[in-house]
Amino acid sequence: MTVTLHETLGDSVVLHGTVANERIRIRTSERPNVTAGDSIRVVVDPTRLHLFDTDGEIVAHAADKVAQTA
């Protein structure tokens, strides 16, 4: 991911960036030492993943998938 913006929001950080020309945002409680322009490796825990469309509507929610497999 190429970081385009680093936002500190209280107890979390939102990293804005791009992967394969697609926009992505990551919220984390970690305090990564990155700035705009940095390239970082992203590892996703699929049980905590939430996907949204371009209008901000949720497309997939990790809890839905967990409920389906239980």
PDB file of N, CA and C in Angstrom:
ATOM      1  N   MET A   1       0.855  -1.166   0.000  1.00  0.00           N
ATOM      2  CA  MET A   1       0.000   0.000   0.000  1.00  0.00           C
ATOM      3  C   MET A   1       0.901   1.229   0.000  1.00  0.00           C
ATOM      4  N   THR A   2       0.546   2.190  -0.814  1.00  0.00           N
ATOM      5  CA  THR A   2       1.229   3.477  -0.784  1.00  0.00           C
ATOM      6  C   THR A   2       0.375   4.434   0.038  1.00  0.00           C
ATOM      7  N   VAL A   3       0.924   4.934   1.114  1.00  0.00           N
ATOM      8  CA  VAL A   3       0.194   5.811   2.028  1.00  0.00           C
ATOM      9  C   VAL A   3       0.021   7.188   1.395  1.00  0.00           C
ATOM     10  N   THR A   4      -1.229   7.690   1.431  1.00  0.00           N
ATOM     11  CA  THR A   4      -1.489   9.042   0.934  1.00  0.00           C
ATOM     12  C   THR A   4      -1.833  10.008   2.066  1.00  0.00           C
ATOM     13  N   LEU A   5      -2.316   9.467   3.200  1.00  0.00           N
ATOM     14  CA  LEU A   5      -2.678  10.315   4.335  1.00  0.00           C
ATOM     15  C   LEU A   5      -2.629   9.489   5.604  1.00  0.00           C
ATOM     16  N   HIS A   6      -2.129  10.079   6.681  1.00  0.00           N
ATOM     17  CA  HIS A   6      -2.041   9.449   8.002  1.00  0.00           C
ATOM     18  C   HIS A   6      -2.857  10.313   8.951  1.00  0.00           C
ATOM     19  N   GLU A   7      -3.978   9.777   9.473  1.00  0.00           N
ATOM     20  CA  GLU A   7      -4.843  10.529  10.387  1.00  0.00           C
ATOM     21  C   GLU A   7      -4.811   9.900  11.772  1.00  0.00           C
ATOM     22  N   THR A   8      -4.491  10.689  12.782  1.00  0.00           N
ATOM     23  CA  THR A   8      -4.581  10.219  14.156  1.00  0.00           C
ATOM     24  C   THR A   8      -5.927  10.666  14.701  1.00  0.00           C
ATOM     25  N   LEU A   9      -6.738   9.689  15.140  1.00  0.00           N
ATOM     26  CA  LEU A   9      -8.086   9.972  15.629  1.00  0.00           C
ATOM     27  C   LEU A   9      -8.252   9.376  17.024  1.00  0.00           C
ATOM     28  N   GLY A  10      -7.880  10.117  18.039  1.00  0.00           N
ATOM     29  CA  GLY A  10      -8.011   9.615  19.404  1.00  0.00           C
ATOM     30  C   GLY A  10      -7.168   8.382  19.624  1.00  0.00           C
ATOM     31  N   ASP A  11      -7.842   7.249  19.868  1.00  0.00           N
ATOM     32  CA  ASP A  11      -7.115   6.017  20.174  1.00  0.00           C
ATOM     33  C   ASP A  11      -6.803   5.171  18.945  1.00  0.00           C
ATOM     34  N   SER A  12      -7.080   5.686  17.754  1.00  0.00           N
ATOM     35  CA  SER A  12      -6.785   4.912  16.548  1.00  0.00           C
ATOM     36  C   SER A  12      -6.146   5.791  15.478  1.00  0.00           C
ATOM     37  N   VAL A  13      -5.643   5.123  14.463  1.00  0.00           N
ATOM     38  CA  VAL A  13      -5.030   5.789  13.317  1.00  0.00           C
ATOM     39  C   VAL A  13      -5.730   5.281  12.066  1.00  0.00           C
ATOM     40  N   VAL A  14      -6.029   6.179  11.142  1.00  0.00           N
ATOM     41  CA  VAL A  14      -6.568   5.782   9.846  1.00  0.00           C
ATOM     42  C   VAL A  14      -5.506   6.098   8.803  1.00  0.00           C
ATOM     43  N   LEU A  15      -5.124   5.060   8.068  1.00  0.00           N
ATOM     44  CA  LEU A  15      -4.183   5.231   6.969  1.00  0.00           C
ATOM     45  C   LEU A  15      -4.967   5.183   5.670  1.00  0.00           C
ATOM     46  N   HIS A  16      -4.816   6.205   4.868  1.00  0.00           N
ATOM     47  CA  HIS A  16      -5.426   6.255   3.541  1.00  0.00           C
ATOM     48  C   HIS A  16      -4.320   5.913   2.556  1.00  0.00           C
ATOM     49  N   GLY A  17      -4.667   5.165   1.521  1.00  0.00           N
ATOM     50  CA  GLY A  17      -3.647   4.830   0.542  1.00  0.00           C
ATOM     51  C   GLY A  17      -4.220   4.162  -0.679  1.00  0.00           C
ATOM     52  N   THR A  18      -3.324   3.624  -1.490  1.00  0.00           N
ATOM     53  CA  THR A  18      -3.729   2.931  -2.705  1.00  0.00           C
ATOM     54  C   THR A  18      -3.014   1.587  -2.800  1.00  0.00           C
ATOM     55  N   VAL A  19      -3.744   0.627  -3.364  1.00  0.00           N
ATOM     56  CA  VAL A  19      -3.205  -0.690  -3.681  1.00  0.00           C
ATOM     57  C   VAL A  19      -3.700  -1.017  -5.084  1.00  0.00           C
ATOM     58  N   ALA A  20      -2.787  -1.244  -6.001  1.00  0.00           N
ATOM     59  CA  ALA A  20      -3.151  -1.557  -7.392  1.00  0.00           C
ATOM     60  C   ALA A  20      -4.147  -0.535  -7.947  1.00  0.00           C
ATOM     61  N   ASN A  21      -3.871   0.734  -7.715  1.00  0.00           N
ATOM     62  CA  ASN A  21      -4.696   1.852  -8.188  1.00  0.00           C
ATOM     63  C   ASN A  21      -6.092   1.900  -7.580  1.00  0.00           C
ATOM     64  N   GLU A  22      -6.324   1.170  -6.500  1.00  0.00           N
ATOM     65  CA  GLU A  22      -7.597   1.221  -5.778  1.00  0.00           C
ATOM     66  C   GLU A  22      -7.367   1.909  -4.439  1.00  0.00           C
ATOM     67  N   ARG A  23      -8.320   2.763  -4.058  1.00  0.00           N
ATOM     68  CA  ARG A  23      -8.210   3.452  -2.771  1.00  0.00           C
ATOM     69  C   ARG A  23      -8.550   2.493  -1.636  1.00  0.00           C
ATOM     70  N   ILE A  24      -7.830   2.635  -0.543  1.00  0.00           N
ATOM     71  CA  ILE A  24      -8.039   1.788   0.625  1.00  0.00           C
ATOM     72  C   ILE A  24      -7.828   2.629   1.876  1.00  0.00           C
ATOM     73  N   ARG A  25      -8.600   2.320   2.914  1.00  0.00           N
ATOM     74  CA  ARG A  25      -8.407   2.956   4.221  1.00  0.00           C
ATOM     75  C   ARG A  25      -8.290   1.858   5.262  1.00  0.00           C
ATOM     76  N   ILE A  26      -7.364   2.040   6.161  1.00  0.00           N
ATOM     77  CA  ILE A  26      -7.131   1.065   7.219  1.00  0.00           C
ATOM     78  C   ILE A  26      -7.186   1.783   8.556  1.00  0.00           C
ATOM     79  N   ARG A  27      -8.013   1.266   9.467  1.00  0.00           N
ATOM     80  CA  ARG A  27      -8.049   1.807  10.829  1.00  0.00           C
ATOM     81  C   ARG A  27      -7.340   0.817  11.736  1.00  0.00           C
ATOM     82  N   THR A  28      -6.460   1.330  12.569  1.00  0.00           N
ATOM     83  CA  THR A  28      -5.690   0.479  13.468  1.00  0.00           C
ATOM     84  C   THR A  28      -5.476   1.171  14.803  1.00  0.00           C
ATOM     85  N   SER A  29      -5.309   0.374  15.843  1.00  0.00           N
ATOM     86  CA  SER A  29      -4.964   0.934  17.151  1.00  0.00           C
ATOM     87  C   SER A  29      -3.446   1.052  17.293  1.00  0.00           C
ATOM     88  N   GLU A  30      -2.727   0.495  16.333  1.00  0.00           N
ATOM     89  CA  GLU A  30      -1.263   0.627  16.314  1.00  0.00           C
ATOM     90  C   GLU A  30      -0.900   2.074  15.981  1.00  0.00           C
ATOM     91  N   ARG A  31       0.304   2.450  16.267  1.00  0.00           N
ATOM     92  CA  ARG A  31       0.806   3.792  15.945  1.00  0.00           C
ATOM     93  C   ARG A  31       1.944   3.670  14.933  1.00  0.00           C
ATOM     94  N   PRO A  32       1.603   3.376  13.671  1.00  0.00           N
ATOM     95  CA  PRO A  32       2.667   3.183  12.677  1.00  0.00           C
ATOM     96  C   PRO A  32       3.430   4.476  12.412  1.00  0.00           C
ATOM     97  N   ASN A  33       4.715   4.341  12.218  1.00  0.00           N
ATOM     98  CA  ASN A  33       5.574   5.486  11.933  1.00  0.00           C
ATOM     99  C   ASN A  33       5.696   5.627  10.415  1.00  0.00           C
ATOM    100  N   VAL A  34       4.625   6.124   9.785  1.00  0.00           N
ATOM    101  CA  VAL A  34       4.601   6.284   8.330  1.00  0.00           C
ATOM    102  C   VAL A  34       4.098   7.676   7.984  1.00  0.00           C
ATOM    103  N   THR A  35       4.460   8.119   6.800  1.00  0.00           N
ATOM    104  CA  THR A  35       3.985   9.401   6.291  1.00  0.00           C
ATOM    105  C   THR A  35       3.547   9.222   4.842  1.00  0.00           C
ATOM    106  N   ALA A  36       2.871  10.215   4.319  1.00  0.00           N
ATOM    107  CA  ALA A  36       2.411  10.176   2.929  1.00  0.00           C
ATOM    108  C   ALA A  36       3.590   9.895   2.008  1.00  0.00           C
ATOM    109  N   GLY A  37       3.369   8.977   1.074  1.00  0.00           N
ATOM    110  CA  GLY A  37       4.403   8.593   0.124  1.00  0.00           C
ATOM    111  C   GLY A  37       5.106   7.298   0.486  1.00  0.00           C
ATOM    112  N   ASP A  38       4.999   6.880   1.753  1.00  0.00           N
ATOM    113  CA  ASP A  38       5.624   5.623   2.171  1.00  0.00           C
ATOM    114  C   ASP A  38       4.882   4.428   1.580  1.00  0.00           C
ATOM    115  N   SER A  39       5.619   3.378   1.267  1.00  0.00           N
ATOM    116  CA  SER A  39       5.026   2.106   0.853  1.00  0.00           C
ATOM    117  C   SER A  39       5.117   1.153   2.031  1.00  0.00           C
ATOM    118  N   ILE A  40       3.985   0.528   2.368  1.00  0.00           N
ATOM    119  CA  ILE A  40       3.961  -0.387   3.503  1.00  0.00           C
ATOM    120  C   ILE A  40       3.322  -1.708   3.092  1.00  0.00           C
ATOM    121  N   ARG A  41       3.653  -2.753   3.815  1.00  0.00           N
ATOM    122  CA  ARG A  41       3.038  -4.065   3.609  1.00  0.00           C
ATOM    123  C   ARG A  41       1.832  -4.148   4.529  1.00  0.00           C
ATOM    124  N   VAL A  42       0.716  -4.604   3.995  1.00  0.00           N
ATOM    125  CA  VAL A  42      -0.518  -4.701   4.767  1.00  0.00           C
ATOM    126  C   VAL A  42      -0.910  -6.170   4.886  1.00  0.00           C
ATOM    127  N   VAL A  43      -1.148  -6.610   6.109  1.00  0.00           N
ATOM    128  CA  VAL A  43      -1.629  -7.961   6.374  1.00  0.00           C
ATOM    129  C   VAL A  43      -2.987  -7.812   7.046  1.00  0.00           C
ATOM    130  N   VAL A  44      -3.999  -8.471   6.492  1.00  0.00           N
ATOM    131  CA  VAL A  44      -5.373  -8.297   6.960  1.00  0.00           C
ATOM    132  C   VAL A  44      -5.848  -9.549   7.683  1.00  0.00           C
ATOM    133  N   ASP A  45      -6.441  -9.354   8.853  1.00  0.00           N
ATOM    134  CA  ASP A  45      -7.114 -10.433   9.573  1.00  0.00           C
ATOM    135  C   ASP A  45      -8.531 -10.504   9.012  1.00  0.00           C
ATOM    136  N   PRO A  46      -8.869 -11.548   8.254  1.00  0.00           N
ATOM    137  CA  PRO A  46     -10.181 -11.598   7.601  1.00  0.00           C
ATOM    138  C   PRO A  46     -11.359 -11.589   8.571  1.00  0.00           C
ATOM    139  N   THR A  47     -11.143 -11.935   9.831  1.00  0.00           N
ATOM    140  CA  THR A  47     -12.244 -11.905  10.798  1.00  0.00           C
ATOM    141  C   THR A  47     -12.551 -10.490  11.269  1.00  0.00           C
ATOM    142  N   ARG A  48     -11.712  -9.536  10.882  1.00  0.00           N
ATOM    143  CA  ARG A  48     -11.925  -8.141  11.288  1.00  0.00           C
ATOM    144  C   ARG A  48     -12.095  -7.211  10.092  1.00  0.00           C
ATOM    145  N   LEU A  49     -12.337  -7.778   8.926  1.00  0.00           N
ATOM    146  CA  LEU A  49     -12.407  -7.023   7.684  1.00  0.00           C
ATOM    147  C   LEU A  49     -13.821  -6.510   7.421  1.00  0.00           C
ATOM    148  N   HIS A  50     -13.926  -5.265   7.003  1.00  0.00           N
ATOM    149  CA  HIS A  50     -15.196  -4.658   6.609  1.00  0.00           C
ATOM    150  C   HIS A  50     -14.973  -3.997   5.252  1.00  0.00           C
ATOM    151  N   LEU A  51     -15.833  -4.278   4.289  1.00  0.00           N
ATOM    152  CA  LEU A  51     -15.702  -3.704   2.949  1.00  0.00           C
ATOM    153  C   LEU A  51     -16.884  -2.788   2.663  1.00  0.00           C
ATOM    154  N   PHE A  52     -16.584  -1.632   2.047  1.00  0.00           N
ATOM    155  CA  PHE A  52     -17.602  -0.640   1.724  1.00  0.00           C
ATOM    156  C   PHE A  52     -17.526  -0.301   0.246  1.00  0.00           C
ATOM    157  N   ASP A  53     -18.662   0.084  -0.342  1.00  0.00           N
ATOM    158  CA  ASP A  53     -18.643   0.526  -1.733  1.00  0.00           C
ATOM    159  C   ASP A  53     -18.268   2.003  -1.784  1.00  0.00           C
ATOM    160  N   THR A  54     -18.248   2.568  -2.980  1.00  0.00           N
ATOM    161  CA  THR A  54     -17.809   3.957  -3.136  1.00  0.00           C
ATOM    162  C   THR A  54     -18.770   4.967  -2.518  1.00  0.00           C
ATOM    163  N   ASP A  55     -20.002   4.540  -2.205  1.00  0.00           N
ATOM    164  CA  ASP A  55     -20.963   5.421  -1.536  1.00  0.00           C
ATOM    165  C   ASP A  55     -20.898   5.304  -0.020  1.00  0.00           C
ATOM    166  N   GLY A  56     -19.991   4.453   0.475  1.00  0.00           N
ATOM    167  CA  GLY A  56     -19.856   4.276   1.915  1.00  0.00           C
ATOM    168  C   GLY A  56     -20.789   3.234   2.500  1.00  0.00           C
ATOM    169  N   GLU A  57     -21.510   2.527   1.638  1.00  0.00           N
ATOM    170  CA  GLU A  57     -22.411   1.471   2.106  1.00  0.00           C
ATOM    171  C   GLU A  57     -21.617   0.187   2.319  1.00  0.00           C
ATOM    172  N   ILE A  58     -21.938  -0.529   3.392  1.00  0.00           N
ATOM    173  CA  ILE A  58     -21.196  -1.754   3.684  1.00  0.00           C
ATOM    174  C   ILE A  58     -21.527  -2.839   2.663  1.00  0.00           C
ATOM    175  N   VAL A  59     -20.503  -3.501   2.177  1.00  0.00           N
ATOM    176  CA  VAL A  59     -20.640  -4.579   1.201  1.00  0.00           C
ATOM    177  C   VAL A  59     -20.463  -5.924   1.894  1.00  0.00           C
ATOM    178  N   ALA A  60     -19.493  -6.011   2.777  1.00  0.00           N
ATOM    179  CA  ALA A  60     -19.230  -7.249   3.505  1.00  0.00           C
ATOM    180  C   ALA A  60     -18.735  -6.897   4.894  1.00  0.00           C
ATOM    181  N   HIS A  61     -19.177  -7.673   5.857  1.00  0.00           N
ATOM    182  CA  HIS A  61     -18.824  -7.443   7.250  1.00  0.00           C
ATOM    183  C   HIS A  61     -18.318  -8.759   7.818  1.00  0.00           C
ATOM    184  N   ALA A  62     -17.189  -8.733   8.462  1.00  0.00           N
ATOM    185  CA  ALA A  62     -16.575  -9.958   8.980  1.00  0.00           C
ATOM    186  C   ALA A  62     -17.522 -10.727   9.889  1.00  0.00           C
ATOM    187  N   ALA A  63     -18.291 -10.048  10.707  1.00  0.00           N
ATOM    188  CA  ALA A  63     -19.204 -10.722  11.632  1.00  0.00           C
ATOM    189  C   ALA A  63     -20.262 -11.520  10.879  1.00  0.00           C
ATOM    190  N   ASP A  64     -20.692 -11.041   9.707  1.00  0.00           N
ATOM    191  CA  ASP A  64     -21.669 -11.773   8.900  1.00  0.00           C
ATOM    192  C   ASP A  64     -21.096 -13.114   8.468  1.00  0.00           C
ATOM    193  N   LYS A  65     -19.855 -13.118   8.025  1.00  0.00           N
ATOM    194  CA  LYS A  65     -19.205 -14.342   7.569  1.00  0.00           C
ATOM    195  C   LYS A  65     -19.024 -15.315   8.727  1.00  0.00           C
ATOM    196  N   VAL A  66     -18.633 -14.805   9.887  1.00  0.00           N
ATOM    197  CA  VAL A  66     -18.443 -15.655  11.060  1.00  0.00           C
ATOM    198  C   VAL A  66     -19.770 -16.284  11.455  1.00  0.00           C
ATOM    199  N   ALA A  67     -20.856 -15.508  11.415  1.00  0.00           N
ATOM    200  CA  ALA A  67     -22.179 -16.020  11.774  1.00  0.00           C
ATOM    201  C   ALA A  67     -22.625 -17.115  10.808  1.00  0.00           C
ATOM    202  N   GLN A  68     -22.288 -16.976   9.526  1.00  0.00           N
ATOM    203  CA  GLN A  68     -22.684 -17.964   8.528  1.00  0.00           C
ATOM    204  C   GLN A  68     -21.965 -19.291   8.719  1.00  0.00           C
ATOM    205  N   THR A  69     -20.746 -19.257   9.238  1.00  0.00           N
ATOM    206  CA  THR A  69     -19.971 -20.483   9.400  1.00  0.00           C
ATOM    207  C   THR A  69     -20.201 -21.146  10.751  1.00  0.00           C
ATOM    208  N   ALA A  70     -20.878 -20.462  11.662  1.00  0.00           N
ATOM    209  CA  ALA A  70     -21.108 -21.021  13.009  1.00  0.00           C
ATOM    210  C   ALA A  70     -22.253 -22.011  13.009  1.00  0.00           C
TER     211      ALA A  70
END
